[in-house]
Amino acid sequence: MSPDHWLVRAAARRPDRVAVEAQGERLTYAELLERAREAAQALEPGRPVPLTEPAGLDFVVALHACLLAGAAAVPVDPRLGEVERAAVLANARSPTREDSAGSVGVARGEGGVALVVHTSGTTGAPQPVELTRSNIEANALASAVALGLDPAERWLCPLPLSHVGGLMVLLRSAIYATTAVLGPADALEDVTLASLVPTQLQRLLAAGPPAARRLRAILLGGAGASRTLLERAAAAGLPVTPTYGLTQACSQVTVAEAGDTETSGFPLPGVELEIAAHGEILVRGPVVAGGGTLRTGDLGRLDDRGRLIVTGRRSELIVSGGENVAPAEVEAVLEQHPAVAEAGVFARADEQWGEAVVAAVVARDGAPLDPDELRAFCRTRLAGFKVPKAIEPVGALPRTASGKLRRGALR
């Protein structure tokens, strides 16, 4: 077992530091290393290992056992059905290897495959992405430079551990020899950092923000957040820092300053962003799976300071009457209305327009929703071709486990 392994280093430096807390239980680094070493003895190097445990100490032990043994960890969402789980495991055993310039980067890289993580599958079936130790380390170190690092860091993770956002909290904490806290999104009382998705932040604000005396940043990612939501968080005194990231880049690619309601911030140190001629965001750097250039499938632009502004997905662009409409732009306007908690905009086939812009909206605090009033509200803020042809009140928007809108389910 290599002495430069993250967990070995952390246990040597800070054996008595709490490595992870979950459900009222905790493991120090010395205890976590002992349990992971024992579990690693039963694993075969190079063989993918499915991790189906729910979020908790057993999952963390199993994850580190894989890393110690040199076996690729394949987190599997425990909520999947039998057929879905079988498909994930089959993909993990034989991942689709595309050129790293493609939208799914899964080629092997330096340091050996540490994780096989599946994308969220918002625009198709989830795809396996192989992340190496070098990818993960590069992301963790760049994130520490961008955010700063408190030696007594306590990073709250209420995200699914089957997705890269939650996994990277665990792995960054091990690399830093700090503490990961697995718990609900409102457990902010005694943590310094938290990773949330917009729906979690929205629920926090609806319930009244909890005490957060040590909190220095909430990293908000997984999906786009409206300016209205960010302004509400700032008014409540929550230090929200929007981020942009992808599974193929170890989760975090950019991070904004607290209080930034306009952008997703600057790229992490060592990460290069480029906007292609057609508006697609391109990512390069050591965080990218397989190396090379990652074509993200997302559209965006850089402001005059070099901060990233994400405008939507290429595949989600609506062409209505020959005009391009970015759903995120329409959603942002609808969510400015005081009666709207969140909105999901999608295309519906239409004889006259080819594709009609349609919006599903969720009421804020039970407020009445008048579609005609909402369309009039949009007309004062959007070009006519962007105004939804129909607005449909719904109880909730369909989302993935990582908080991304499942636009296809709205159709």
Protein backbone atom coordinates (compact mmCIF):
# COMPACT_ATOMS: atom_id res chain seq x y z
CA MET A 1 0.00 0.00 0.00
CA SER A 2 1.55 3.28 -1.13
CA PRO A 3 2.43 5.76 1.63
CA ASP A 4 1.31 8.61 -0.65
CA HIS A 5 -2.27 7.36 -0.68
CA TRP A 6 -4.65 10.08 0.53
CA LEU A 7 -6.02 8.13 3.45
CA VAL A 8 -2.59 6.87 4.54
CA ARG A 9 -1.21 10.41 4.51
CA ALA A 10 -4.22 11.81 6.37
CA ALA A 11 -4.04 9.11 9.07
CA ALA A 12 -0.31 9.75 9.51
CA ARG A 13 -0.76 13.52 9.79
CA ARG A 14 -3.97 13.67 11.81
CA PRO A 15 -4.84 10.22 13.20
CA ASP A 16 -7.29 11.61 15.78
CA ARG A 17 -9.01 14.08 13.47
CA VAL A 18 -12.60 13.10 12.65
CA ALA A 19 -12.60 11.99 9.01
CA VAL A 20 -16.35 11.56 8.58
CA GLU A 21 -19.57 12.02 10.53
CA ALA A 22 -22.92 10.48 9.63
CA GLN A 23 -26.13 9.78 11.53
CA GLY A 24 -24.53 10.69 14.86
CA GLU A 25 -21.56 8.35 14.33
CA ARG A 26 -17.99 9.27 13.45
CA LEU A 27 -14.70 7.77 12.41
CA THR A 28 -11.27 9.29 12.95
CA TYR A 29 -8.67 8.98 10.23
CA ALA A 30 -6.89 6.23 12.14
CA GLU A 31 -10.17 4.29 12.52
CA LEU A 32 -11.19 4.83 8.90
CA LEU A 33 -7.80 3.63 7.65
CA GLU A 34 -7.98 0.50 9.81
CA ARG A 35 -11.47 -0.41 8.59
CA ALA A 36 -10.69 0.40 4.97
CA ARG A 37 -7.47 -1.68 5.03
CA GLU A 38 -9.39 -4.66 6.37
CA ALA A 39 -12.08 -4.34 3.69
CA ALA A 40 -9.48 -3.84 0.95
CA GLN A 41 -8.02 -7.31 1.53
CA ALA A 42 -11.05 -8.89 -0.13
CA LEU A 43 -10.81 -6.75 -3.28
CA GLU A 44 -9.05 -7.47 -6.55
CA PRO A 45 -6.92 -4.63 -8.00
CA GLY A 46 -8.26 -3.28 -11.29
CA ARG A 47 -11.69 -4.88 -10.93
CA PRO A 48 -14.73 -2.54 -10.72
CA VAL A 49 -16.51 -2.76 -7.37
CA PRO A 50 -20.17 -1.67 -7.14
CA LEU A 51 -20.96 0.38 -4.04
CA THR A 52 -24.64 0.05 -3.25
CA GLU A 53 -24.61 1.06 0.44
CA PRO A 54 -26.72 4.07 1.44
CA ALA A 55 -24.91 7.25 2.42
CA GLY A 56 -23.16 6.55 5.72
CA LEU A 57 -19.99 5.29 7.32
CA ASP A 58 -20.14 1.89 5.59
CA PHE A 59 -20.20 3.58 2.19
CA VAL A 60 -17.19 5.74 3.10
CA VAL A 61 -15.24 2.71 4.32
CA ALA A 62 -16.06 0.80 1.12
CA LEU A 63 -15.06 3.76 -1.06
CA HIS A 64 -11.65 4.08 0.61
CA ALA A 65 -11.16 0.32 0.56
CA CYS A 66 -11.47 0.41 -3.23
CA LEU A 67 -8.97 3.25 -3.45
CA LEU A 68 -6.50 1.44 -1.20
CA ALA A 69 -6.82 -1.79 -3.20
CA GLY A 70 -6.54 -0.11 -6.60
CA ALA A 71 -10.03 -1.29 -7.53
CA ALA A 72 -12.31 1.14 -9.37
CA ALA A 73 -15.25 2.16 -7.16
CA VAL A 74 -18.61 2.25 -8.95
CA PRO A 75 -21.18 4.07 -6.78
CA VAL A 76 -24.71 2.87 -7.54
CA ASP A 77 -27.76 4.82 -6.51
CA PRO A 78 -29.56 2.55 -4.00
CA ARG A 79 -32.91 3.86 -5.25
CA LEU A 80 -32.48 2.33 -8.71
CA GLY A 81 -34.71 -0.50 -9.79
CA GLU A 82 -33.28 -3.91 -10.62
CA VAL A 83 -33.15 -3.30 -14.39
CA GLU A 84 -31.60 0.16 -13.96
CA ARG A 85 -28.99 -1.19 -11.56
CA ALA A 86 -28.07 -4.00 -13.95
CA ALA A 87 -27.57 -1.46 -16.75
CA VAL A 88 -25.31 0.70 -14.57
CA LEU A 89 -23.17 -2.27 -13.57
CA ALA A 90 -22.92 -3.49 -17.17
CA ASN A 91 -21.75 -0.04 -18.26
CA ALA A 92 -19.20 0.09 -15.46
CA ARG A 93 -17.67 -3.23 -16.51
CA SER A 94 -17.34 -2.08 -20.14
CA PRO A 95 -17.46 1.74 -20.23
CA THR A 96 -18.00 3.42 -23.59
CA ARG A 97 -14.63 4.86 -24.52
CA GLU A 98 -14.98 7.97 -26.65
CA ASP A 99 -12.35 10.46 -27.68
CA SER A 100 -11.78 12.88 -24.82
CA ALA A 101 -12.93 15.71 -27.04
CA GLY A 102 -16.39 14.14 -26.97
CA SER A 103 -19.16 14.96 -24.55
CA VAL A 104 -18.30 11.92 -22.40
CA GLY A 105 -14.65 11.57 -21.45
CA VAL A 106 -13.89 8.10 -20.11
CA ALA A 107 -10.40 7.28 -21.34
CA ARG A 108 -7.87 6.03 -18.79
CA GLY A 109 -5.37 8.55 -17.51
CA GLU A 110 -2.41 8.90 -15.19
CA GLY A 111 -2.79 7.42 -11.71
CA GLY A 112 -5.19 4.60 -12.57
CA VAL A 113 -8.99 4.64 -12.57
CA ALA A 114 -10.26 5.47 -9.10
CA LEU A 115 -13.96 6.00 -9.80
CA VAL A 116 -16.52 5.10 -12.43
CA VAL A 117 -19.23 7.70 -11.95
CA HIS A 118 -22.37 8.03 -14.03
CA THR A 119 -23.63 11.29 -15.46
CA SER A 120 -27.03 12.51 -14.31
CA GLY A 121 -28.76 11.47 -17.54
CA THR A 122 -30.87 14.59 -18.05
CA THR A 123 -30.65 14.32 -21.84
CA GLY A 124 -30.33 10.55 -22.24
CA ALA A 125 -29.21 7.41 -20.45
CA PRO A 126 -26.57 8.00 -17.75
CA GLN A 127 -23.07 7.45 -19.12
CA PRO A 128 -20.08 6.07 -17.19
CA VAL A 129 -17.12 8.37 -16.70
CA GLU A 130 -13.77 7.07 -15.47
CA LEU A 131 -11.93 9.44 -13.14
CA THR A 132 -8.32 8.84 -12.18
CA ARG A 133 -6.46 9.70 -9.02
CA SER A 134 -4.66 12.47 -10.89
CA ASN A 135 -7.98 13.99 -12.03
CA ILE A 136 -9.32 13.95 -8.48
CA GLU A 137 -6.16 15.35 -6.90
CA ALA A 138 -5.97 18.16 -9.45
CA ASN A 139 -9.56 19.15 -8.73
CA ALA A 140 -9.11 19.01 -4.95
CA LEU A 141 -5.97 21.14 -4.96
CA ALA A 142 -7.42 23.69 -7.39
CA SER A 143 -10.61 23.92 -5.32
CA ALA A 144 -8.57 24.55 -2.16
CA VAL A 145 -6.71 27.40 -3.86
CA ALA A 146 -9.94 28.94 -5.15
CA LEU A 147 -11.90 28.64 -1.89
CA GLY A 148 -9.12 28.78 0.67
CA LEU A 149 -8.70 25.98 3.18
CA ASP A 150 -9.49 26.04 6.88
CA PRO A 151 -7.37 23.42 8.71
CA ALA A 152 -10.47 22.72 10.81
CA GLU A 153 -12.74 22.47 7.74
CA ARG A 154 -16.06 20.68 8.21
CA TRP A 155 -17.73 20.17 4.82
CA LEU A 156 -21.43 19.29 4.82
CA CYS A 157 -22.61 16.93 2.09
CA PRO A 158 -26.38 16.35 1.74
CA LEU A 159 -25.92 15.23 -1.89
CA PRO A 160 -26.28 11.69 -3.27
CA LEU A 161 -23.02 9.74 -3.06
CA SER A 162 -23.82 8.05 -6.36
CA HIS A 163 -23.01 11.34 -8.11
CA VAL A 164 -19.74 13.19 -8.44
CA GLY A 165 -20.74 16.24 -6.38
CA GLY A 166 -21.20 14.22 -3.20
CA LEU A 167 -18.23 11.94 -3.86
CA MET A 168 -15.85 14.84 -4.29
CA VAL A 169 -16.72 16.22 -0.86
CA LEU A 170 -15.56 12.92 0.64
CA LEU A 171 -12.42 12.77 -1.49
CA ARG A 172 -11.41 16.40 -1.11
CA SER A 173 -11.81 16.06 2.66
CA ALA A 174 -9.53 13.00 2.69
CA ILE A 175 -6.91 14.78 0.57
CA TYR A 176 -7.04 17.79 2.91
CA ALA A 177 -7.23 15.60 6.08
CA THR A 178 -10.33 17.55 7.15
CA THR A 179 -13.85 16.42 8.10
CA ALA A 180 -16.74 15.43 5.83
CA VAL A 181 -20.21 15.62 7.37
CA LEU A 182 -22.99 13.55 5.80
CA GLY A 183 -26.31 15.04 6.79
CA PRO A 184 -29.38 17.01 5.72
CA ALA A 185 -29.12 20.35 3.95
CA ASP A 186 -30.26 22.28 7.02
CA ALA A 187 -27.46 20.91 9.26
CA LEU A 188 -25.44 24.12 8.89
CA GLU A 189 -24.94 24.91 12.57
CA ASP A 190 -21.38 23.61 12.94
CA VAL A 191 -19.91 23.35 9.43
CA THR A 192 -17.62 25.67 7.49
CA LEU A 193 -18.59 24.63 3.95
CA ALA A 194 -21.68 23.06 2.42
CA SER A 195 -22.47 21.73 -1.06
CA LEU A 196 -26.11 22.19 -2.09
CA VAL A 197 -28.24 22.16 -5.22
CA PRO A 198 -30.75 24.97 -5.90
CA THR A 199 -33.80 23.00 -4.79
CA GLN A 200 -32.19 22.39 -1.39
CA LEU A 201 -31.37 26.09 -1.01
CA GLN A 202 -34.90 27.00 -2.00
CA ARG A 203 -36.33 24.72 0.71
CA LEU A 204 -33.92 26.16 3.28
CA LEU A 205 -35.10 29.67 2.56
CA ALA A 206 -38.77 28.62 2.61
CA ALA A 207 -38.29 27.12 6.08
CA GLY A 208 -36.24 30.06 7.32
CA PRO A 209 -32.44 29.78 7.12
CA PRO A 210 -30.97 27.90 10.10
CA ALA A 211 -28.15 29.16 12.29
CA ALA A 212 -24.81 28.89 10.54
CA ARG A 213 -22.27 30.54 12.82
CA ARG A 214 -19.14 28.98 11.25
CA LEU A 215 -20.32 28.75 7.66
CA ARG A 216 -18.05 30.58 5.21
CA ALA A 217 -19.46 29.32 1.90
CA ILE A 218 -22.31 27.35 0.37
CA LEU A 219 -21.19 25.90 -2.95
CA LEU A 220 -24.29 25.88 -5.13
CA GLY A 221 -24.12 23.61 -8.17
CA GLY A 222 -25.72 20.67 -9.89
CA ALA A 223 -28.11 22.93 -11.79
CA GLY A 224 -28.52 26.58 -12.69
CA ALA A 225 -29.79 28.91 -9.99
CA SER A 226 -31.98 31.89 -10.77
CA ARG A 227 -30.90 35.40 -9.87
CA THR A 228 -34.01 35.68 -7.69
CA LEU A 229 -32.98 32.67 -5.60
CA LEU A 230 -29.43 34.00 -5.19
CA GLU A 231 -30.72 37.42 -4.16
CA ARG A 232 -33.02 35.85 -1.56
CA ALA A 233 -30.09 33.86 -0.17
CA ALA A 234 -27.91 36.97 0.05
CA ALA A 235 -30.70 38.86 1.81
CA ALA A 236 -30.92 36.00 4.34
CA GLY A 237 -27.20 36.32 5.04
CA LEU A 238 -26.20 33.01 3.48
CA PRO A 239 -22.76 33.10 1.77
CA VAL A 240 -23.72 31.36 -1.47
CA THR A 241 -21.00 30.83 -4.11
CA PRO A 242 -22.44 29.58 -7.42
CA THR A 243 -20.36 26.96 -9.23
CA TYR A 244 -20.33 25.23 -12.60
CA GLY A 245 -19.11 21.69 -13.04
CA LEU A 246 -19.48 18.34 -14.75
CA THR A 247 -18.94 14.70 -13.92
CA GLN A 248 -16.26 14.54 -16.64
CA ALA A 249 -14.26 17.26 -14.83
CA CYS A 250 -14.51 15.95 -11.26
CA SER A 251 -17.48 18.15 -10.44
CA GLN A 252 -16.08 21.66 -10.00
CA VAL A 253 -14.85 23.77 -12.93
CA THR A 254 -15.62 27.33 -11.80
CA VAL A 255 -16.53 29.03 -8.55
CA ALA A 256 -18.00 32.50 -8.01
CA GLU A 257 -17.51 34.95 -5.19
CA ALA A 258 -20.14 34.97 -2.46
CA GLY A 259 -22.95 37.32 -3.43
CA ASP A 260 -22.39 36.98 -7.19
CA THR A 261 -25.89 36.71 -8.67
CA GLU A 262 -24.82 37.07 -12.31
CA THR A 263 -22.17 34.43 -13.07
CA SER A 264 -20.75 31.02 -12.20
CA GLY A 265 -17.41 32.64 -11.45
CA PHE A 266 -13.84 32.14 -12.55
CA PRO A 267 -12.30 28.83 -13.65
CA LEU A 268 -10.32 26.95 -11.03
CA PRO A 269 -6.53 27.37 -11.18
CA GLY A 270 -5.15 25.15 -13.93
CA VAL A 271 -8.51 24.89 -15.70
CA GLU A 272 -8.93 26.57 -19.07
CA LEU A 273 -12.32 27.62 -20.42
CA GLU A 274 -13.05 28.51 -24.02
CA ILE A 275 -16.29 29.44 -25.73
CA ALA A 276 -16.55 27.86 -29.18
CA ALA A 277 -17.87 29.80 -32.17
CA HIS A 278 -21.29 28.18 -31.75
CA GLY A 279 -21.38 29.16 -28.04
CA GLU A 280 -20.48 25.80 -26.48
CA ILE A 281 -18.37 25.78 -23.30
CA LEU A 282 -15.08 23.89 -23.75
CA VAL A 283 -12.96 22.77 -20.79
CA ARG A 284 -9.30 21.76 -20.69
CA GLY A 285 -6.93 20.88 -17.87
CA PRO A 286 -5.84 18.10 -15.53
CA VAL A 287 -9.33 17.75 -14.05
CA VAL A 288 -10.77 16.48 -17.35
CA ALA A 289 -11.26 12.73 -17.66
CA GLY A 290 -9.02 11.39 -20.38
CA GLY A 291 -7.32 14.74 -20.94
CA GLY A 292 -7.78 16.81 -24.06
CA THR A 293 -10.74 19.13 -24.63
CA LEU A 294 -14.12 18.41 -23.09
CA ARG A 295 -17.06 19.54 -25.18
CA THR A 296 -19.58 20.12 -22.42
CA GLY A 297 -22.78 20.45 -24.44
CA ASP A 298 -23.52 23.60 -22.40
CA LEU A 299 -23.83 27.07 -23.89
CA GLY A 300 -22.33 30.14 -22.30
CA ARG A 301 -20.14 33.20 -22.54
CA LEU A 302 -17.36 34.90 -20.59
CA ASP A 303 -17.89 38.41 -19.20
CA ASP A 304 -15.26 41.15 -19.41
CA ARG A 305 -13.62 39.81 -16.22
CA GLY A 306 -13.41 36.24 -17.51
CA ARG A 307 -16.28 34.92 -15.40
CA LEU A 308 -18.52 32.23 -16.88
CA ILE A 309 -22.18 32.85 -17.61
CA VAL A 310 -24.03 29.63 -18.48
CA THR A 311 -27.00 30.15 -20.77
CA GLY A 312 -28.29 26.60 -21.27
CA ARG A 313 -27.79 23.26 -23.02
CA ARG A 314 -27.28 23.00 -26.78
CA SER A 315 -29.67 20.05 -26.89
CA GLU A 316 -32.36 22.01 -25.03
CA LEU A 317 -32.38 25.05 -27.31
CA ILE A 318 -35.91 25.71 -28.56
CA VAL A 319 -36.38 26.83 -32.18
CA SER A 320 -39.75 28.58 -32.34
CA GLY A 321 -40.76 30.19 -35.61
CA GLY A 322 -37.12 30.16 -36.71
CA GLU A 323 -35.93 31.95 -33.54
CA ASN A 324 -33.67 30.39 -30.92
CA VAL A 325 -34.94 30.43 -27.33
CA ALA A 326 -32.79 29.40 -24.35
CA PRO A 327 -35.08 27.83 -21.72
CA ALA A 328 -32.90 29.10 -18.85
CA GLU A 329 -33.48 32.71 -19.91
CA VAL A 330 -37.27 32.30 -19.80
CA GLU A 331 -37.10 30.41 -16.50
CA ALA A 332 -35.06 33.21 -14.93
CA VAL A 333 -37.74 35.77 -15.88
CA LEU A 334 -40.63 33.65 -14.60
CA GLU A 335 -38.83 33.09 -11.28
CA GLN A 336 -38.67 36.86 -10.78
CA HIS A 337 -42.45 36.86 -10.35
CA PRO A 338 -43.36 36.86 -6.63
CA ALA A 339 -45.87 34.01 -7.06
CA VAL A 340 -43.41 31.64 -8.77
CA ALA A 341 -41.07 29.40 -6.79
CA GLU A 342 -39.51 27.69 -9.80
CA ALA A 343 -40.13 27.19 -13.48
CA GLY A 344 -39.24 24.62 -16.13
CA VAL A 345 -39.38 25.66 -19.78
CA PHE A 346 -39.54 23.14 -22.62
CA ALA A 347 -40.51 22.71 -26.26
CA ARG A 348 -43.76 21.23 -27.45
CA ALA A 349 -44.37 20.31 -31.10
CA ASP A 350 -46.54 22.93 -32.77
CA GLU A 351 -47.97 23.11 -36.30
CA GLN A 352 -47.58 26.86 -36.62
CA TRP A 353 -44.28 27.46 -34.79
CA GLY A 354 -42.50 24.11 -35.23
CA GLU A 355 -41.73 24.21 -31.52
CA ALA A 356 -43.78 26.17 -29.01
CA VAL A 357 -42.24 27.54 -25.81
CA VAL A 358 -44.12 26.07 -22.83
CA ALA A 359 -43.51 26.61 -19.11
CA ALA A 360 -44.37 24.50 -16.08
CA VAL A 361 -44.42 26.63 -12.93
CA VAL A 362 -44.53 25.86 -9.22
CA ALA A 363 -46.29 28.31 -6.90
CA ARG A 364 -44.42 29.95 -4.04
CA ASP A 365 -46.03 29.34 -0.65
CA GLY A 366 -49.36 28.36 -2.19
CA ALA A 367 -49.77 31.65 -4.09
CA PRO A 368 -52.41 31.61 -6.85
CA LEU A 369 -50.97 31.32 -10.36
CA ASP A 370 -52.66 33.10 -13.26
CA PRO A 371 -51.12 31.96 -16.58
CA ASP A 372 -52.36 35.08 -18.41
CA GLU A 373 -50.79 37.35 -15.80
CA LEU A 374 -47.53 35.43 -15.97
CA ARG A 375 -47.43 35.71 -19.76
CA ALA A 376 -48.07 39.46 -19.49
CA PHE A 377 -45.23 39.65 -16.95
CA CYS A 378 -42.93 37.89 -19.43
CA ARG A 379 -43.93 40.21 -22.30
CA THR A 380 -42.52 43.22 -20.43
CA ARG A 381 -39.15 41.48 -20.03
CA LEU A 382 -38.72 39.21 -23.05
CA ALA A 383 -38.94 39.40 -26.81
CA GLY A 384 -42.34 38.22 -28.01
CA PHE A 385 -41.02 34.97 -29.52
CA LYS A 386 -39.59 33.99 -26.11
CA VAL A 387 -42.85 34.41 -24.20
CA PRO A 388 -44.36 30.98 -23.39
CA LYS A 389 -47.32 30.06 -25.56
CA ALA A 390 -48.68 28.15 -22.56
CA ILE A 391 -47.99 28.24 -18.82
CA GLU A 392 -49.04 25.23 -16.78
CA PRO A 393 -49.08 25.21 -12.94
CA VAL A 394 -47.63 22.00 -11.44
CA GLY A 395 -47.01 20.78 -7.91
CA ALA A 396 -43.32 20.04 -8.44
CA LEU A 397 -40.76 19.86 -11.22
CA PRO A 398 -39.19 16.50 -12.08
CA ARG A 399 -35.51 16.48 -11.10
CA THR A 400 -32.62 14.05 -10.97
CA ALA A 401 -31.04 13.01 -7.68
CA SER A 402 -28.40 15.71 -8.23
CA GLY A 403 -31.04 18.41 -8.64
CA LYS A 404 -31.02 18.85 -12.42
CA LEU A 405 -34.30 19.48 -14.19
CA ARG A 406 -35.54 16.51 -16.23
CA ARG A 407 -36.86 18.63 -19.07
CA GLY A 408 -37.89 15.61 -21.13
CA ALA A 409 -40.29 14.51 -18.38
CA LEU A 410 -42.19 17.81 -18.72
CA ARG A 411 -43.12 17.11 -22.33
